[in-house]
C-alpha atoms as a PDB file:
ATOM      1  CA  UNK A   1      20.607 -22.250  39.015  1.00  0.00           C
ATOM      2  CA  UNK A   2      21.946 -22.136  42.392  1.00  0.00           C
ATOM      3  CA  UNK A   3      25.342 -23.469  43.071  1.00  0.00           C
ATOM      4  CA  UNK A   4      27.616 -23.054  46.216  1.00  0.00           C
ATOM      5  CA  UNK A   5      30.711 -21.286  47.324  1.00  0.00           C
ATOM      6  CA  UNK A   6      33.456 -19.871  49.396  1.00  0.00           C
ATOM      7  CA  UNK A   7      34.324 -16.220  50.477  1.00  0.00           C
ATOM      8  CA  UNK A   8      36.410 -15.141  52.878  1.00  0.00           C
ATOM      9  CA  UNK A   9      35.245 -11.346  53.582  1.00  0.00           C
ATOM     10  CA  UNK A  10      35.830  -9.824  49.705  1.00  0.00           C
ATOM     11  CA  UNK A  11      37.952 -12.853  48.615  1.00  0.00           C
ATOM     12  CA  UNK A  12      36.293 -16.542  47.236  1.00  0.00           C
ATOM     13  CA  UNK A  13      37.745 -19.707  47.348  1.00  0.00           C
ATOM     14  CA  UNK A  14      39.610 -21.781  44.143  1.00  0.00           C
ATOM     15  CA  UNK A  15      40.120 -25.397  45.417  1.00  0.00           C
ATOM     16  CA  UNK A  16      42.567 -26.995  43.321  1.00  0.00           C
ATOM     17  CA  UNK A  17      44.675 -30.227  43.683  1.00  0.00           C
ATOM     18  CA  UNK A  18      43.856 -30.637  47.916  1.00  0.00           C
ATOM     19  CA  UNK A  19      45.016 -26.373  48.195  1.00  0.00           C
ATOM     20  CA  UNK A  20      42.694 -23.226  48.752  1.00  0.00           C
ATOM     21  CA  UNK A  21      43.498 -20.147  46.936  1.00  0.00           C
ATOM     22  CA  UNK A  22      42.129 -16.606  47.857  1.00  0.00           C
ATOM     23  CA  UNK A  23      40.977 -15.414  44.565  1.00  0.00           C
ATOM     24  CA  UNK A  24      38.504 -13.342  42.659  1.00  0.00           C
ATOM     25  CA  UNK A  25      34.759 -14.715  41.803  1.00  0.00           C
ATOM     26  CA  UNK A  26      36.084 -15.516  37.704  1.00  0.00           C
ATOM     27  CA  UNK A  27      38.124 -17.967  39.029  1.00  0.00           C
ATOM     28  CA  UNK A  28      36.250 -19.478  42.237  1.00  0.00           C
ATOM     29  CA  UNK A  29      35.484 -23.170  42.833  1.00  0.00           C
ATOM     30  CA  UNK A  30      31.963 -23.780  42.738  1.00  0.00           C
ATOM     31  CA  UNK A  31      30.097 -26.709  43.793  1.00  0.00           C
ATOM     32  CA  UNK A  32      26.536 -28.259  43.167  1.00  0.00           C
ATOM     33  CA  UNK A  33      23.885 -27.836  46.099  1.00  0.00           C
ATOM     34  CA  UNK A  34      23.968 -31.215  46.679  1.00  0.00           C
ATOM     35  CA  UNK A  35      28.010 -31.429  47.839  1.00  0.00           C
ATOM     36  CA  UNK A  36      27.116 -29.505  50.982  1.00  0.00           C
ATOM     37  CA  UNK A  37      28.959 -31.380  53.077  1.00  0.00           C
ATOM     38  CA  UNK A  38      31.639 -31.532  51.567  1.00  0.00           C
ATOM     39  CA  UNK A  39      32.082 -27.899  50.789  1.00  0.00           C
ATOM     40  CA  UNK A  40      31.565 -27.650  54.919  1.00  0.00           C
ATOM     41  CA  UNK A  41      34.658 -29.889  55.761  1.00  0.00           C
ATOM     42  CA  UNK A  42      36.347 -27.166  53.394  1.00  0.00           C
ATOM     43  CA  UNK A  43      35.220 -24.541  55.333  1.00  0.00           C
ATOM     44  CA  UNK A  44      36.672 -26.731  58.488  1.00  0.00           C
ATOM     45  CA  UNK A  45      39.927 -27.241  56.999  1.00  0.00           C
ATOM     46  CA  UNK A  46      40.172 -23.987  56.118  1.00  0.00           C
ATOM     47  CA  UNK A  47      39.121 -22.575  59.576  1.00  0.00           C
ATOM     48  CA  UNK A  48      42.037 -25.213  61.039  1.00  0.00           C
ATOM     49  CA  UNK A  49      44.395 -23.560  58.441  1.00  0.00           C
ATOM     50  CA  UNK A  50      43.992 -19.782  60.235  1.00  0.00           C
ATOM     51  CA  UNK A  51      40.980 -18.356  57.742  1.00  0.00           C
ATOM     52  CA  UNK A  52      39.178 -16.225  60.082  1.00  0.00           C
ATOM     53  CA  UNK A  53      36.136 -16.066  58.428  1.00  0.00           C
ATOM     54  CA  UNK A  54      35.438 -18.704  55.552  1.00  0.00           C
ATOM     55  CA  UNK A  55      31.489 -18.642  55.085  1.00  0.00           C
ATOM     56  CA  UNK A  56      29.170 -20.840  52.379  1.00  0.00           C
ATOM     57  CA  UNK A  57      27.220 -18.342  49.620  1.00  0.00           C
ATOM     58  CA  UNK A  58      24.838 -19.467  47.428  1.00  0.00           C
ATOM     59  CA  UNK A  59      25.974 -18.120  44.089  1.00  0.00           C
ATOM     60  CA  UNK A  60      21.983 -17.772  42.099  1.00  0.00           C
ATOM     61  CA  UNK A  61      22.691 -17.999  38.301  1.00  0.00           C
ATOM     62  CA  UNK A  62      19.846 -16.272  35.994  1.00  0.00           C
ATOM     63  CA  UNK A  63      19.618 -17.294  32.381  1.00  0.00           C
ATOM     64  CA  UNK A  64      17.941 -14.747  30.059  1.00  0.00           C
ATOM     65  CA  UNK A  65      18.524 -13.231  26.437  1.00  0.00           C
ATOM     66  CA  UNK A  66      20.922 -10.604  26.248  1.00  0.00           C
ATOM     67  CA  UNK A  67      18.426  -7.399  24.407  1.00  0.00           C
ATOM     68  CA  UNK A  68      21.037  -5.582  22.892  1.00  0.00           C
ATOM     69  CA  UNK A  69      21.055  -4.504  19.456  1.00  0.00           C
ATOM     70  CA  UNK A  70      24.138  -6.791  18.953  1.00  0.00           C
ATOM     71  CA  UNK A  71      25.284  -8.182  15.137  1.00  0.00           C
ATOM     72  CA  UNK A  72      26.620 -11.162  14.866  1.00  0.00           C
END
């Protein structure tokens, strides 16, 4: 599975109610690839707000069984 995510340097961006918050990956907003145009619009807004290096990244998620000795 691939999703889009916005980074600014080492920080990630959370989009909430038209507000942009720098955060860790666990709080970052993710977007389906079909929303690329919307994410590009967010980049323009971030640049207009003075954020110097916002960039779009592809977040690749892979699902596989956890092969550990776990007691259920």
